[in-house]
């Protein structure tokens, strides 16, 4: 089954044996009748499993070319479940340019539980070897990274983690399975903030994990059930509906993202544009190899180079909305230093390029001429 067909039909066979509805029903129930103690038809309590959630989990696994999918109440809840595979004394090697919420979870919660984190640049995968030791249990990768749009060679990292018997988890939120499928490149775990492109309409908060290994799936399912950070059936229905149009939305996100990136690159009031589709972008060749297109996320800095100039610019936008998050049908603009990445200390932010003049755009699926005109008037 081809990808575009998977988004609509993947894992969705026999989804409603009662009435054969085309869409999975919303099973708005907490519990299920049992014929005898412990005797049920696969579901007993909706924290442990729900038919609507089950349909979503199968759909996400299908588009990621995985065997097992798990849905969580948020992207951070999904990351939290992965880190609960670890124990005190274990070490994690992580991308140094990553979502601020991930950094906060790593450093403010799990670091206090005795897990050690190394935040490093992974643009050269060989750099990872310098930090591997007998305590290393997980490598955490974002690619493209948030918000600097760095590209990491998943296959090269997987070769290193396989050699050392280390888990490799990839945050695939920016690219989605439409652009890249990390499991096919050797990753063990794929994570999504399904709030973003998978849901696609800025109306639901959710996270997901996809794996191929049965034992790993069972360990993560135990954590999912025991910790209880699961989504409700209504939210699962919304994300499942979103996935069915993922392929057509991502095509337009990519087209508009490309137009915006090139327009910004030649604008006199823009200093630097970060977008992996440029031939002079570091690791552009890797992006071209492991991705089918370059996505709808674009970051840039203003020529003025100040916090004031960046704030004035985002406040002047009219079609782009100044807001947290990304991946919805509408275009959003954010100021990472004061919004999504404010939890990262200023000196650490600036080391990786998250300066006060940096603006991150989530380019939506509106008419691109309106988006370009909006950016032009704001930059003026």
Protein backbone atom coordinates (compact mmCIF):
# COMPACT_ATOMS: atom_id res chain seq x y z
CA UNK A 1 0.00 0.00 0.00
CA UNK A 2 1.42 3.41 -1.02
CA UNK A 3 1.81 6.19 1.57
CA UNK A 4 -1.08 8.36 0.38
CA UNK A 5 -3.39 5.36 0.61
CA UNK A 6 -2.04 4.42 4.03
CA UNK A 7 -3.07 7.78 5.47
CA UNK A 8 -6.69 6.90 4.68
CA UNK A 9 -6.84 3.13 4.99
CA UNK A 10 -3.72 2.04 6.90
CA UNK A 11 -4.60 -0.20 9.86
CA UNK A 12 -8.29 0.61 9.43
CA UNK A 13 -9.70 -2.77 8.43
CA UNK A 14 -12.70 -4.06 10.42
CA UNK A 15 -12.77 -0.92 12.51
CA UNK A 16 -16.48 -1.18 13.27
CA UNK A 17 -17.77 -4.76 13.16
CA UNK A 18 -21.11 -3.66 14.63
CA UNK A 19 -22.38 -1.35 11.89
CA UNK A 20 -19.54 -1.13 9.32
CA UNK A 21 -19.21 2.64 9.61
CA UNK A 22 -16.65 4.14 7.25
CA UNK A 23 -15.02 6.23 9.99
CA UNK A 24 -14.07 4.67 13.35
CA UNK A 25 -16.77 5.56 15.89
CA UNK A 26 -15.98 7.65 18.95
CA UNK A 27 -16.25 5.14 21.79
CA UNK A 28 -16.98 7.64 24.55
CA UNK A 29 -16.92 5.08 27.34
CA UNK A 30 -14.71 4.35 30.32
CA UNK A 31 -15.51 0.70 30.77
CA UNK A 32 -16.81 -2.40 28.93
CA UNK A 33 -19.17 -5.22 29.86
CA UNK A 34 -17.47 -8.52 30.72
CA UNK A 35 -19.11 -11.92 30.24
CA UNK A 36 -17.16 -13.33 33.19
CA UNK A 37 -14.44 -11.81 35.40
CA UNK A 38 -11.59 -11.10 32.97
CA UNK A 39 -13.67 -12.18 29.97
CA UNK A 40 -14.01 -9.36 27.45
CA UNK A 41 -13.70 -8.57 23.74
CA UNK A 42 -10.28 -6.92 23.93
CA UNK A 43 -11.19 -3.85 25.98
CA UNK A 44 -11.88 -3.59 29.69
CA UNK A 45 -11.08 -0.02 30.78
CA UNK A 46 -10.32 2.96 28.55
CA UNK A 47 -7.02 3.88 30.18
CA UNK A 48 -5.78 0.44 29.16
CA UNK A 49 -7.34 0.56 25.71
CA UNK A 50 -10.14 2.16 23.74
CA UNK A 51 -11.36 1.18 20.23
CA UNK A 52 -11.03 4.72 18.88
CA UNK A 53 -7.52 5.05 20.29
CA UNK A 54 -6.70 1.60 18.95
CA UNK A 55 -7.71 2.70 15.44
CA UNK A 56 -5.51 5.79 15.72
CA UNK A 57 -2.54 3.83 17.04
CA UNK A 58 -2.79 1.40 14.13
CA UNK A 59 -3.03 4.29 11.66
CA UNK A 60 0.08 6.03 13.02
CA UNK A 61 2.02 2.76 13.03
CA UNK A 62 0.99 2.16 9.42
CA UNK A 63 2.16 5.51 8.04
CA UNK A 64 5.48 5.20 9.91
CA UNK A 65 6.07 1.67 8.55
CA UNK A 66 5.96 0.39 12.13
CA UNK A 67 4.30 -2.55 13.83
CA UNK A 68 3.15 -0.94 17.09
CA UNK A 69 1.74 2.52 17.81
CA UNK A 70 0.94 4.16 21.14
CA UNK A 71 -0.97 7.40 21.69
CA UNK A 72 -0.43 9.74 24.64
CA UNK A 73 -2.06 12.84 26.08
CA UNK A 74 0.68 15.09 24.62
CA UNK A 75 4.01 14.93 22.85
CA UNK A 76 5.78 15.49 26.15
CA UNK A 77 3.85 12.60 27.70
CA UNK A 78 5.16 10.40 24.88
CA UNK A 79 8.75 11.56 25.53
CA UNK A 80 8.21 11.03 29.25
CA UNK A 81 7.27 7.40 28.55
CA UNK A 82 10.48 6.83 26.60
CA UNK A 83 12.61 8.27 29.40
CA UNK A 84 10.85 6.00 31.89
CA UNK A 85 12.63 3.12 30.17
CA UNK A 86 15.78 4.42 31.90
CA UNK A 87 17.06 4.17 35.45
CA UNK A 88 19.34 6.32 37.65
CA UNK A 89 22.88 6.31 36.31
CA UNK A 90 21.85 5.89 32.69
CA UNK A 91 23.02 8.47 30.16
CA UNK A 92 21.32 10.07 27.17
CA UNK A 93 22.96 11.77 24.21
CA UNK A 94 20.62 14.39 22.82
CA UNK A 95 20.54 16.94 20.04
CA UNK A 96 21.69 20.29 21.45
CA UNK A 97 19.17 22.17 19.29
CA UNK A 98 15.81 20.80 20.34
CA UNK A 99 12.35 21.83 21.45
CA UNK A 100 12.45 23.77 24.72
CA UNK A 101 9.84 21.52 26.34
CA UNK A 102 11.99 18.46 25.68
CA UNK A 103 15.01 20.24 27.18
CA UNK A 104 12.97 21.21 30.24
CA UNK A 105 11.72 17.65 30.75
CA UNK A 106 15.25 16.28 30.44
CA UNK A 107 17.00 18.80 32.70
CA UNK A 108 14.35 19.79 35.24
CA UNK A 109 12.77 16.39 35.89
CA UNK A 110 14.74 13.36 34.74
CA UNK A 111 18.14 14.84 35.52
CA UNK A 112 16.98 15.09 39.15
CA UNK A 113 16.19 11.37 39.03
CA UNK A 114 19.81 10.55 38.23
CA UNK A 115 19.72 10.39 34.43
CA UNK A 116 22.65 12.22 32.82
CA UNK A 117 22.21 14.15 29.56
CA UNK A 118 24.78 15.23 26.97
CA UNK A 119 23.54 17.94 24.59
CA UNK A 120 25.69 17.92 21.48
CA UNK A 121 25.69 18.97 17.84
CA UNK A 122 24.89 15.95 15.69
CA UNK A 123 25.31 17.46 12.24
CA UNK A 124 28.37 15.20 12.07
CA UNK A 125 27.09 11.85 13.37
CA UNK A 126 30.63 10.70 14.22
CA UNK A 127 30.65 13.29 17.03
CA UNK A 128 28.31 11.00 18.97
CA UNK A 129 31.03 8.38 19.43
CA UNK A 130 32.95 10.75 21.73
CA UNK A 131 30.13 10.62 24.29
CA UNK A 132 29.24 6.92 24.20
CA UNK A 133 30.12 4.88 27.26
CA UNK A 134 28.82 1.81 29.09
CA UNK A 135 26.05 3.89 30.71
CA UNK A 136 24.70 5.30 27.43
CA UNK A 137 21.23 3.86 26.89
CA UNK A 138 19.49 6.32 24.55
CA UNK A 139 20.28 8.74 21.73
CA UNK A 140 17.57 11.37 21.22
CA UNK A 141 17.42 13.03 17.80
CA UNK A 142 15.35 15.82 16.27
CA UNK A 143 15.65 16.33 12.53
CA UNK A 144 14.95 18.89 11.23
CA UNK A 145 15.76 20.49 14.57
CA UNK A 146 13.59 23.04 16.33
CA UNK A 147 14.06 25.92 15.56
CA UNK A 148 17.43 26.01 13.72
CA UNK A 149 16.40 23.48 11.04
CA UNK A 150 19.61 21.47 11.35
CA UNK A 151 19.64 18.10 9.60
CA UNK A 152 20.93 14.92 11.26
CA UNK A 153 21.76 11.76 9.33
CA UNK A 154 19.41 9.20 10.91
CA UNK A 155 20.96 6.23 9.16
CA UNK A 156 24.49 7.22 10.24
CA UNK A 157 23.34 7.67 13.86
CA UNK A 158 21.54 4.31 13.71
CA UNK A 159 24.77 2.61 12.62
CA UNK A 160 26.44 3.94 15.78
CA UNK A 161 23.60 3.06 18.16
CA UNK A 162 23.25 -0.44 16.70
CA UNK A 163 26.98 -1.05 17.15
CA UNK A 164 26.75 -0.10 20.84
CA UNK A 165 23.30 -1.62 21.51
CA UNK A 166 21.79 1.77 22.35
CA UNK A 167 18.19 2.83 21.68
CA UNK A 168 17.70 5.50 19.02
CA UNK A 169 14.61 7.69 19.29
CA UNK A 170 13.74 10.27 16.62
CA UNK A 171 11.36 13.18 17.08
CA UNK A 172 9.69 13.24 13.65
CA UNK A 173 7.27 16.08 14.40
CA UNK A 174 8.62 18.61 11.87
CA UNK A 175 8.99 16.18 8.96
CA UNK A 176 6.16 13.70 9.64
CA UNK A 177 6.05 10.31 7.98
CA UNK A 178 5.13 12.09 4.73
CA UNK A 179 8.70 13.39 4.41
CA UNK A 180 10.79 10.80 6.27
CA UNK A 181 10.32 7.50 8.08
CA UNK A 182 13.02 7.01 10.73
CA UNK A 183 12.19 3.34 11.41
CA UNK A 184 13.10 2.57 7.80
CA UNK A 185 16.46 4.29 8.42
CA UNK A 186 17.28 2.24 11.52
CA UNK A 187 15.66 4.11 14.43
CA UNK A 188 14.06 2.12 17.28
CA UNK A 189 11.44 4.67 18.33
CA UNK A 190 9.64 7.43 16.44
CA UNK A 191 7.97 10.20 18.43
CA UNK A 192 5.39 12.72 17.22
CA UNK A 193 3.77 15.66 18.82
CA UNK A 194 0.53 14.73 17.06
CA UNK A 195 -0.74 18.16 18.12
CA UNK A 196 1.13 19.49 15.10
CA UNK A 197 0.95 18.15 11.53
CA UNK A 198 -0.78 14.85 12.28
CA UNK A 199 -3.78 16.60 13.83
CA UNK A 200 -3.19 19.51 11.51
CA UNK A 201 -5.96 21.85 12.63
CA UNK A 202 -4.73 23.31 15.95
CA UNK A 203 -7.64 21.77 17.85
CA UNK A 204 -6.13 18.85 19.78
CA UNK A 205 -3.11 18.11 21.99
CA UNK A 206 -1.63 14.62 21.65
CA UNK A 207 1.59 12.61 21.30
CA UNK A 208 2.51 9.24 19.84
CA UNK A 209 5.25 6.62 19.67
CA UNK A 210 5.85 4.01 16.99
CA UNK A 211 8.19 1.00 17.29
CA UNK A 212 8.87 -2.28 15.51
CA UNK A 213 10.22 -4.39 18.37
CA UNK A 214 7.54 -6.36 20.25
CA UNK A 215 9.37 -6.37 23.59
CA UNK A 216 9.95 -2.62 23.41
CA UNK A 217 6.30 -2.05 22.54
CA UNK A 218 5.21 -4.08 25.56
CA UNK A 219 7.49 -2.11 27.89
CA UNK A 220 6.14 1.17 26.54
CA UNK A 221 2.54 -0.07 26.72
CA UNK A 222 3.08 -0.98 30.38
CA UNK A 223 4.33 2.59 31.03
CA UNK A 224 1.44 4.07 29.04
CA UNK A 225 -1.12 2.09 31.04
CA UNK A 226 0.58 2.37 34.43
CA UNK A 227 1.28 6.12 34.17
CA UNK A 228 -2.06 6.86 32.54
CA UNK A 229 -1.13 9.78 30.27
CA UNK A 230 -3.55 8.67 27.56
CA UNK A 231 -5.73 10.74 25.20
CA UNK A 232 -9.52 10.63 25.18
CA UNK A 233 -11.52 9.09 22.33
CA UNK A 234 -12.70 12.44 20.94
CA UNK A 235 -9.10 13.63 20.61
CA UNK A 236 -8.11 10.33 18.98
CA UNK A 237 -10.92 10.75 16.47
CA UNK A 238 -9.71 14.26 15.59
CA UNK A 239 -6.12 13.16 14.98
CA UNK A 240 -7.26 10.13 13.00
CA UNK A 241 -9.31 12.47 10.83
CA UNK A 242 -6.29 14.76 10.46
CA UNK A 243 -4.05 11.92 9.28
CA UNK A 244 -6.45 11.20 6.43
CA UNK A 245 -5.52 14.54 4.81
CA UNK A 246 -1.86 14.59 5.91
CA UNK A 247 -0.50 13.92 2.44
CA UNK A 248 -2.41 16.70 0.70
CA UNK A 249 -1.72 19.20 3.48
CA UNK A 250 2.00 18.42 3.64
CA UNK A 251 2.33 18.89 -0.11
CA UNK A 252 0.98 22.44 0.21
CA UNK A 253 3.00 23.14 3.39
CA UNK A 254 6.14 22.20 1.44
CA UNK A 255 5.21 24.31 -1.60
CA UNK A 256 4.42 27.37 0.48
CA UNK A 257 7.43 26.84 2.75
CA UNK A 258 9.74 26.84 -0.24
CA UNK A 259 8.26 30.06 -1.62
CA UNK A 260 8.53 31.80 1.76
CA UNK A 261 12.12 30.63 2.31
CA UNK A 262 13.30 31.92 -1.07
CA UNK A 263 11.45 35.23 -0.65
CA UNK A 264 13.02 35.79 2.77
CA UNK A 265 16.48 34.88 1.50
CA UNK A 266 16.55 37.85 -0.91
CA UNK A 267 14.75 40.33 1.36
CA UNK A 268 16.96 43.30 2.33
CA UNK A 269 15.74 43.31 5.94
CA UNK A 270 16.51 39.63 6.55
CA UNK A 271 19.93 38.54 7.74
CA UNK A 272 19.81 34.74 7.62
CA UNK A 273 17.22 32.11 6.63
CA UNK A 274 17.22 28.56 8.00
CA UNK A 275 15.55 26.03 5.71
CA UNK A 276 17.03 22.66 4.66
CA UNK A 277 15.98 23.01 1.02
CA UNK A 278 18.74 25.51 0.24
CA UNK A 279 21.70 23.93 -1.52
CA UNK A 280 24.08 25.84 0.77
CA UNK A 281 22.32 24.60 3.91
CA UNK A 282 24.64 22.38 5.98
CA UNK A 283 23.70 18.73 5.35
CA UNK A 284 21.39 19.64 2.48
CA UNK A 285 22.57 16.47 0.76
CA UNK A 286 21.48 14.38 3.74
CA UNK A 287 18.10 16.12 3.81
CA UNK A 288 17.69 15.41 0.12
CA UNK A 289 18.52 11.75 0.68
CA UNK A 290 16.41 10.99 3.75
CA UNK A 291 13.48 13.35 3.11
CA UNK A 292 11.13 13.49 0.13
CA UNK A 293 10.75 17.30 0.48
CA UNK A 294 11.85 20.01 2.90
CA UNK A 295 8.76 20.86 4.94
CA UNK A 296 6.89 23.99 5.91
CA UNK A 297 9.04 25.21 8.82
CA UNK A 298 11.29 28.22 8.19
CA UNK A 299 13.34 30.28 10.67
CA UNK A 300 15.08 33.59 10.02
CA UNK A 301 16.81 36.50 11.73
CA UNK A 302 16.18 40.18 11.09
CA UNK A 303 18.90 42.42 9.67
CA UNK A 304 18.44 44.77 12.65
CA UNK A 305 19.40 41.85 14.88
CA UNK A 306 17.59 43.02 18.01
CA UNK A 307 14.82 41.78 20.25
CA UNK A 308 12.86 44.97 19.57
CA UNK A 309 12.97 44.47 15.79
CA UNK A 310 11.82 40.86 16.07
CA UNK A 311 8.96 41.71 18.42
CA UNK A 312 7.80 44.59 16.24
CA UNK A 313 7.84 42.35 13.18
CA UNK A 314 5.74 39.54 14.64
CA UNK A 315 3.29 42.05 16.11
CA UNK A 316 2.74 43.56 12.64
CA UNK A 317 1.84 40.27 10.95
CA UNK A 318 -1.79 39.97 9.86
CA UNK A 319 -2.16 36.65 8.03
CA UNK A 320 0.47 34.86 10.09
CA UNK A 321 -0.77 34.51 13.67
CA UNK A 322 1.61 35.14 16.57
CA UNK A 323 1.14 31.97 18.61
CA UNK A 324 2.81 28.91 20.09
CA UNK A 325 2.75 25.58 18.24
CA UNK A 326 3.04 24.71 14.56
CA UNK A 327 1.78 22.38 11.86
CA UNK A 328 -1.78 23.65 11.54
CA UNK A 329 -3.50 24.67 8.32
CA UNK A 330 -3.05 28.30 9.37
CA UNK A 331 0.33 30.05 9.25
CA UNK A 332 1.89 30.81 12.63
CA UNK A 333 4.83 32.95 13.69
CA UNK A 334 6.76 32.54 16.92
CA UNK A 335 9.64 34.13 18.76
CA UNK A 336 11.55 31.12 20.13
CA UNK A 337 13.68 33.02 22.66
CA UNK A 338 10.61 34.26 24.54
CA UNK A 339 8.13 31.52 23.64
CA UNK A 340 8.92 27.89 22.74
CA UNK A 341 12.55 27.97 23.94
CA UNK A 342 12.29 30.35 26.90
CA UNK A 343 12.99 27.45 29.31
CA UNK A 344 16.52 27.10 27.88
CA UNK A 345 19.06 29.44 29.56
CA UNK A 346 19.93 32.44 27.38
CA UNK A 347 23.64 31.56 27.03
CA UNK A 348 22.76 28.00 25.96
CA UNK A 349 20.13 29.27 23.51
CA UNK A 350 22.48 31.71 21.87
CA UNK A 351 25.22 29.08 21.57
CA UNK A 352 23.06 27.14 19.13
CA UNK A 353 21.72 30.19 17.28
CA UNK A 354 18.48 30.90 19.12
CA UNK A 355 19.19 34.62 19.37
CA UNK A 356 16.74 37.37 20.24
CA UNK A 357 16.22 38.31 16.58
CA UNK A 358 15.26 34.77 15.50
CA UNK A 359 11.70 34.22 14.26
CA UNK A 360 10.21 30.80 13.50
CA UNK A 361 7.47 30.40 10.92
CA UNK A 362 5.06 27.52 10.53
CA UNK A 363 3.96 28.10 6.95
CA UNK A 364 0.34 27.09 6.46
CA UNK A 365 -1.71 26.20 3.41
CA UNK A 366 -3.20 29.62 2.60
CA UNK A 367 -2.66 31.31 -0.76
CA UNK A 368 1.10 31.86 -0.85
CA UNK A 369 0.76 35.35 -2.36
CA UNK A 370 -1.09 36.48 0.76
CA UNK A 371 1.64 35.01 2.97
CA UNK A 372 4.41 36.72 1.02
CA UNK A 373 2.59 40.04 1.06
CA UNK A 374 2.08 39.77 4.82
CA UNK A 375 5.76 39.10 5.47
CA UNK A 376 6.75 41.92 3.14
CA UNK A 377 4.59 44.52 4.91
CA UNK A 378 5.80 43.39 8.33
CA UNK A 379 9.45 43.43 7.29
CA UNK A 380 9.05 46.89 5.82
